[in-house]
Amino acid sequence: MLEILEFPDPRLRTVAKPVEVFDLELGELIDAMLETMYEANGIGLAATQVNRHIRLLVLDISEARNEPKIYVNPQITNSEGQQVYEEGCLSVPGIYANVKRADRIIVQAQDREGKPFEEELDGLHAVCLQHEMDHLAGKLFVDYLSPLKRQLVRKKLEKGRRQAEQEEATASLI
């Protein structure tokens, strides 16, 4: 499993660079990201979230969690409509908020071997892809919240981390 960075880690604000080499190392990263996403019970994971700053994301919105999708160098070429969806994020654990996004999108990307493809997406698939693409641009879903709500999220996460550290320290004394 890869370590998932958590808000407000500044590395989450790094803008990802295009993937230029499609090799064994990239394939291993893709597999590790999928394993990490499934283990964390997520439906999407961007390379930025695991401190790899390349334009790569993985998704699986299937009920059975057996339909992984890989997008290398994704680019949205068209979008239309609007939908509001309650989003969560592996980098912002336990926090959910309504975010407005395009309802339908067309995305161009490459697969793990570098072969180009194009897909038209809607619903949850479109939301998830837009959410993960935000990560590649150094943006988080909490950026869509008001400054006050964002500050409350930050404080809640910091409090949770402090409590976890205290519990860990107490457990190690026993």
C-alpha atoms as a PDB file:
ATOM      1  CA  MET A   1       0.000   0.000   0.000  1.00  0.00           C
ATOM      2  CA  LEU A   2       1.107   3.515  -0.776  1.00  0.00           C
ATOM      3  CA  GLU A   3       0.811   6.316   1.769  1.00  0.00           C
ATOM      4  CA  ILE A   4      -2.096   8.660   0.997  1.00  0.00           C
ATOM      5  CA  LEU A   5      -1.320  12.313   1.714  1.00  0.00           C
ATOM      6  CA  GLU A   6      -3.903  14.125   3.808  1.00  0.00           C
ATOM      7  CA  PHE A   7      -5.132  17.718   3.762  1.00  0.00           C
ATOM      8  CA  PRO A   8      -3.566  20.205   4.513  1.00  0.00           C
ATOM      9  CA  ASP A   9      -0.298  18.569   3.325  1.00  0.00           C
ATOM     10  CA  PRO A  10       1.249  21.109   0.896  1.00  0.00           C
ATOM     11  CA  ARG A  11       2.350  18.327  -1.482  1.00  0.00           C
ATOM     12  CA  LEU A  12      -1.331  17.945  -2.432  1.00  0.00           C
ATOM     13  CA  ARG A  13      -1.046  21.379  -4.079  1.00  0.00           C
ATOM     14  CA  THR A  14       1.630  20.231  -6.555  1.00  0.00           C
ATOM     15  CA  VAL A  15       0.610  20.428 -10.214  1.00  0.00           C
ATOM     16  CA  ALA A  16       1.252  17.085 -11.926  1.00  0.00           C
ATOM     17  CA  LYS A  17       3.481  16.772 -14.974  1.00  0.00           C
ATOM     18  CA  PRO A  18       2.556  14.775 -18.093  1.00  0.00           C
ATOM     19  CA  VAL A  19       3.600  11.127 -18.279  1.00  0.00           C
ATOM     20  CA  GLU A  20       6.127  10.692 -21.053  1.00  0.00           C
ATOM     21  CA  VAL A  21       7.481   7.193 -20.423  1.00  0.00           C
ATOM     22  CA  PHE A  22       5.195   4.162 -20.422  1.00  0.00           C
ATOM     23  CA  ASP A  23       7.313   1.464 -18.812  1.00  0.00           C
ATOM     24  CA  LEU A  24       7.342  -1.242 -16.147  1.00  0.00           C
ATOM     25  CA  GLU A  25       7.753   1.368 -13.401  1.00  0.00           C
ATOM     26  CA  LEU A  26       4.557   3.139 -14.505  1.00  0.00           C
ATOM     27  CA  GLY A  27       2.699  -0.186 -14.600  1.00  0.00           C
ATOM     28  CA  GLU A  28       3.874  -1.005 -11.073  1.00  0.00           C
ATOM     29  CA  LEU A  29       2.708   2.416  -9.850  1.00  0.00           C
ATOM     30  CA  ILE A  30      -0.707   1.891 -11.486  1.00  0.00           C
ATOM     31  CA  ASP A  31      -1.071  -1.516  -9.796  1.00  0.00           C
ATOM     32  CA  ALA A  32       0.021  -0.100  -6.422  1.00  0.00           C
ATOM     33  CA  MET A  33      -2.436   2.793  -6.765  1.00  0.00           C
ATOM     34  CA  LEU A  34      -5.303   0.412  -7.544  1.00  0.00           C
ATOM     35  CA  GLU A  35      -4.392  -1.772  -4.554  1.00  0.00           C
ATOM     36  CA  THR A  36      -4.182   1.315  -2.317  1.00  0.00           C
ATOM     37  CA  MET A  37      -7.525   2.661  -3.578  1.00  0.00           C
ATOM     38  CA  TYR A  38      -9.294  -0.670  -2.993  1.00  0.00           C
ATOM     39  CA  GLU A  39      -7.701  -1.128   0.447  1.00  0.00           C
ATOM     40  CA  ALA A  40      -8.823   2.381   1.469  1.00  0.00           C
ATOM     41  CA  ASN A  41     -12.367   1.730   0.138  1.00  0.00           C
ATOM     42  CA  GLY A  42     -12.068   4.580  -2.358  1.00  0.00           C
ATOM     43  CA  ILE A  43     -13.494   4.844  -5.857  1.00  0.00           C
ATOM     44  CA  GLY A  44     -10.731   7.043  -7.256  1.00  0.00           C
ATOM     45  CA  LEU A  45      -7.112   7.934  -6.593  1.00  0.00           C
ATOM     46  CA  ALA A  46      -4.820  10.439  -8.290  1.00  0.00           C
ATOM     47  CA  ALA A  47      -1.044  10.020  -8.348  1.00  0.00           C
ATOM     48  CA  THR A  48      -0.711  13.359  -6.528  1.00  0.00           C
ATOM     49  CA  GLN A  49      -2.445  11.814  -3.506  1.00  0.00           C
ATOM     50  CA  VAL A  50       0.362   9.250  -3.179  1.00  0.00           C
ATOM     51  CA  ASN A  51       3.095  11.876  -3.657  1.00  0.00           C
ATOM     52  CA  ARG A  52       3.764  11.033  -7.316  1.00  0.00           C
ATOM     53  CA  HIS A  53       3.285  14.202  -9.297  1.00  0.00           C
ATOM     54  CA  ILE A  54       2.420  12.823 -12.722  1.00  0.00           C
ATOM     55  CA  ARG A  55      -0.849  13.018 -14.687  1.00  0.00           C
ATOM     56  CA  LEU A  56      -2.211   9.610 -13.713  1.00  0.00           C
ATOM     57  CA  LEU A  57      -5.418   8.574 -11.994  1.00  0.00           C
ATOM     58  CA  VAL A  58      -7.304   5.357 -11.357  1.00  0.00           C
ATOM     59  CA  LEU A  59     -11.036   4.815 -10.769  1.00  0.00           C
ATOM     60  CA  ASP A  60     -13.435   2.000 -10.070  1.00  0.00           C
ATOM     61  CA  ILE A  61     -17.054   2.963  -9.505  1.00  0.00           C
ATOM     62  CA  SER A  62     -18.428  -0.562 -10.068  1.00  0.00           C
ATOM     63  CA  GLU A  63     -20.509  -2.202  -7.334  1.00  0.00           C
ATOM     64  CA  ALA A  64     -18.328  -5.327  -7.418  1.00  0.00           C
ATOM     65  CA  ARG A  65     -15.133  -3.220  -7.477  1.00  0.00           C
ATOM     66  CA  ASN A  66     -13.791  -5.193 -10.410  1.00  0.00           C
ATOM     67  CA  GLU A  67     -13.804  -2.654 -13.244  1.00  0.00           C
ATOM     68  CA  PRO A  68     -10.658  -0.563 -12.768  1.00  0.00           C
ATOM     69  CA  LYS A  69     -10.193   2.365 -15.142  1.00  0.00           C
ATOM     70  CA  ILE A  70      -6.806   3.937 -15.786  1.00  0.00           C
ATOM     71  CA  TYR A  71      -6.367   7.443 -17.182  1.00  0.00           C
ATOM     72  CA  VAL A  72      -2.899   8.652 -18.097  1.00  0.00           C
ATOM     73  CA  ASN A  73      -2.582  12.297 -19.172  1.00  0.00           C
ATOM     74  CA  PRO A  74      -6.366  12.842 -19.024  1.00  0.00           C
ATOM     75  CA  GLN A  75      -7.865  15.933 -20.598  1.00  0.00           C
ATOM     76  CA  ILE A  76     -11.498  16.991 -20.608  1.00  0.00           C
ATOM     77  CA  THR A  77     -12.323  18.156 -24.123  1.00  0.00           C
ATOM     78  CA  ASN A  78     -16.013  18.936 -23.631  1.00  0.00           C
ATOM     79  CA  SER A  79     -18.425  19.347 -20.740  1.00  0.00           C
ATOM     80  CA  GLU A  80     -22.091  20.193 -20.396  1.00  0.00           C
ATOM     81  CA  GLY A  81     -24.808  20.459 -17.806  1.00  0.00           C
ATOM     82  CA  GLN A  82     -24.421  20.595 -14.056  1.00  0.00           C
ATOM     83  CA  GLN A  83     -24.951  18.237 -11.196  1.00  0.00           C
ATOM     84  CA  VAL A  84     -24.401  18.486  -7.465  1.00  0.00           C
ATOM     85  CA  TYR A  85     -22.915  15.444  -5.826  1.00  0.00           C
ATOM     86  CA  GLU A  86     -21.885  14.782  -2.235  1.00  0.00           C
ATOM     87  CA  GLU A  87     -18.169  14.090  -2.465  1.00  0.00           C
ATOM     88  CA  GLY A  88     -15.638  12.654  -0.093  1.00  0.00           C
ATOM     89  CA  CYS A  89     -11.908  12.160  -0.526  1.00  0.00           C
ATOM     90  CA  LEU A  90      -9.253   9.746   0.705  1.00  0.00           C
ATOM     91  CA  SER A  91      -7.036  12.790   1.355  1.00  0.00           C
ATOM     92  CA  VAL A  92      -9.754  14.447   3.470  1.00  0.00           C
ATOM     93  CA  PRO A  93     -11.007  11.463   5.508  1.00  0.00           C
ATOM     94  CA  GLY A  94     -14.451  11.598   7.072  1.00  0.00           C
ATOM     95  CA  ILE A  95     -15.450  14.868   5.406  1.00  0.00           C
ATOM     96  CA  TYR A  96     -18.236  15.110   2.818  1.00  0.00           C
ATOM     97  CA  ALA A  97     -19.610  18.128   0.985  1.00  0.00           C
ATOM     98  CA  ASN A  98     -21.822  18.940  -1.980  1.00  0.00           C
ATOM     99  CA  VAL A  99     -19.837  20.018  -5.031  1.00  0.00           C
ATOM    100  CA  LYS A 100     -21.196  21.301  -8.348  1.00  0.00           C
ATOM    101  CA  ARG A 101     -19.604  19.729 -11.423  1.00  0.00           C
ATOM    102  CA  ALA A 102     -20.341  19.151 -15.094  1.00  0.00           C
ATOM    103  CA  ASP A 103     -22.967  16.468 -15.709  1.00  0.00           C
ATOM    104  CA  ARG A 104     -21.489  15.082 -18.929  1.00  0.00           C
ATOM    105  CA  ILE A 105     -17.893  15.182 -20.082  1.00  0.00           C
ATOM    106  CA  ILE A 106     -15.728  13.889 -22.865  1.00  0.00           C
ATOM    107  CA  VAL A 107     -12.249  12.868 -21.763  1.00  0.00           C
ATOM    108  CA  GLN A 108      -9.220  11.993 -23.843  1.00  0.00           C
ATOM    109  CA  ALA A 109      -6.463  10.009 -22.152  1.00  0.00           C
ATOM    110  CA  GLN A 110      -3.967   7.206 -22.619  1.00  0.00           C
ATOM    111  CA  ASP A 111      -4.019   3.704 -21.192  1.00  0.00           C
ATOM    112  CA  ARG A 112      -1.169   2.066 -19.278  1.00  0.00           C
ATOM    113  CA  GLU A 113       0.645   1.273 -22.543  1.00  0.00           C
ATOM    114  CA  GLY A 114       0.248   4.819 -23.891  1.00  0.00           C
ATOM    115  CA  LYS A 115      -2.538   4.056 -26.363  1.00  0.00           C
ATOM    116  CA  PRO A 116      -4.891   7.067 -26.721  1.00  0.00           C
ATOM    117  CA  PHE A 117      -8.627   6.698 -26.109  1.00  0.00           C
ATOM    118  CA  GLU A 118     -11.687   8.892 -25.692  1.00  0.00           C
ATOM    119  CA  GLU A 119     -14.749   8.348 -23.481  1.00  0.00           C
ATOM    120  CA  GLU A 120     -18.016  10.141 -22.865  1.00  0.00           C
ATOM    121  CA  LEU A 121     -18.905  10.021 -19.170  1.00  0.00           C
ATOM    122  CA  ASP A 122     -21.858  11.075 -17.060  1.00  0.00           C
ATOM    123  CA  GLY A 123     -23.159  10.661 -13.516  1.00  0.00           C
ATOM    124  CA  LEU A 124     -20.816   9.346 -10.839  1.00  0.00           C
ATOM    125  CA  HIS A 125     -18.146   8.401 -13.394  1.00  0.00           C
ATOM    126  CA  ALA A 126     -17.974  12.010 -14.641  1.00  0.00           C
ATOM    127  CA  VAL A 127     -17.942  13.390 -11.073  1.00  0.00           C
ATOM    128  CA  CYS A 128     -15.186  11.031  -9.978  1.00  0.00           C
ATOM    129  CA  LEU A 129     -12.990  11.786 -12.971  1.00  0.00           C
ATOM    130  CA  GLN A 130     -13.377  15.559 -12.474  1.00  0.00           C
ATOM    131  CA  HIS A 131     -12.598  15.166  -8.757  1.00  0.00           C
ATOM    132  CA  GLU A 132      -9.402  13.199  -9.469  1.00  0.00           C
ATOM    133  CA  MET A 133      -8.364  15.580 -12.247  1.00  0.00           C
ATOM    134  CA  ASP A 134      -8.616  18.426  -9.729  1.00  0.00           C
ATOM    135  CA  HIS A 135      -5.942  16.609  -7.690  1.00  0.00           C
ATOM    136  CA  LEU A 136      -3.654  16.627 -10.730  1.00  0.00           C
ATOM    137  CA  ALA A 137      -4.065  20.418 -10.828  1.00  0.00           C
ATOM    138  CA  GLY A 138      -3.271  20.767  -7.103  1.00  0.00           C
ATOM    139  CA  LYS A 139      -6.902  21.346  -6.158  1.00  0.00           C
ATOM    140  CA  LEU A 140      -9.039  19.615  -3.518  1.00  0.00           C
ATOM    141  CA  PHE A 141     -12.811  19.350  -3.192  1.00  0.00           C
ATOM    142  CA  VAL A 142     -12.608  21.437  -0.006  1.00  0.00           C
ATOM    143  CA  ASP A 143     -11.500  24.339  -2.221  1.00  0.00           C
ATOM    144  CA  TYR A 144     -15.129  24.522  -3.370  1.00  0.00           C
ATOM    145  CA  LEU A 145     -16.193  25.230   0.231  1.00  0.00           C
ATOM    146  CA  SER A 146     -16.327  28.637   1.876  1.00  0.00           C
ATOM    147  CA  PRO A 147     -13.137  29.702   3.719  1.00  0.00           C
ATOM    148  CA  LEU A 148     -14.930  29.216   7.046  1.00  0.00           C
ATOM    149  CA  LYS A 149     -16.015  25.647   6.230  1.00  0.00           C
ATOM    150  CA  ARG A 150     -12.518  24.857   4.901  1.00  0.00           C
ATOM    151  CA  GLN A 151     -11.002  26.077   8.184  1.00  0.00           C
ATOM    152  CA  LEU A 152     -13.464  23.911  10.159  1.00  0.00           C
ATOM    153  CA  VAL A 153     -12.445  20.885   8.067  1.00  0.00           C
ATOM    154  CA  ARG A 154      -8.765  21.599   8.729  1.00  0.00           C
ATOM    155  CA  LYS A 155      -9.366  21.873  12.497  1.00  0.00           C
ATOM    156  CA  LYS A 156     -11.447  18.687  12.575  1.00  0.00           C
ATOM    157  CA  LEU A 157      -8.761  16.708  10.734  1.00  0.00           C
ATOM    158  CA  GLU A 158      -5.971  18.103  12.953  1.00  0.00           C
ATOM    159  CA  LYS A 159      -7.964  17.197  16.078  1.00  0.00           C
ATOM    160  CA  GLY A 160      -8.493  13.672  14.743  1.00  0.00           C
ATOM    161  CA  ARG A 161      -4.763  13.294  14.032  1.00  0.00           C
ATOM    162  CA  ARG A 162      -3.856  14.505  17.545  1.00  0.00           C
ATOM    163  CA  GLN A 163      -6.302  12.040  19.098  1.00  0.00           C
ATOM    164  CA  ALA A 164      -4.894   9.191  17.012  1.00  0.00           C
ATOM    165  CA  GLU A 165      -1.338  10.114  18.040  1.00  0.00           C
ATOM    166  CA  GLN A 166      -2.339  10.236  21.722  1.00  0.00           C
ATOM    167  CA  GLU A 167      -4.049   6.838  21.467  1.00  0.00           C
ATOM    168  CA  GLU A 168      -0.969   5.409  19.755  1.00  0.00           C
ATOM    169  CA  ALA A 169       1.321   6.823  22.463  1.00  0.00           C
ATOM    170  CA  THR A 170      -0.937   5.458  25.224  1.00  0.00           C
ATOM    171  CA  ALA A 171      -1.077   2.028  23.561  1.00  0.00           C
ATOM    172  CA  SER A 172       2.717   1.868  23.321  1.00  0.00           C
ATOM    173  CA  LEU A 173       2.996   2.492  27.092  1.00  0.00           C
ATOM    174  CA  ILE A 174       0.772  -0.474  27.903  1.00  0.00           C
END
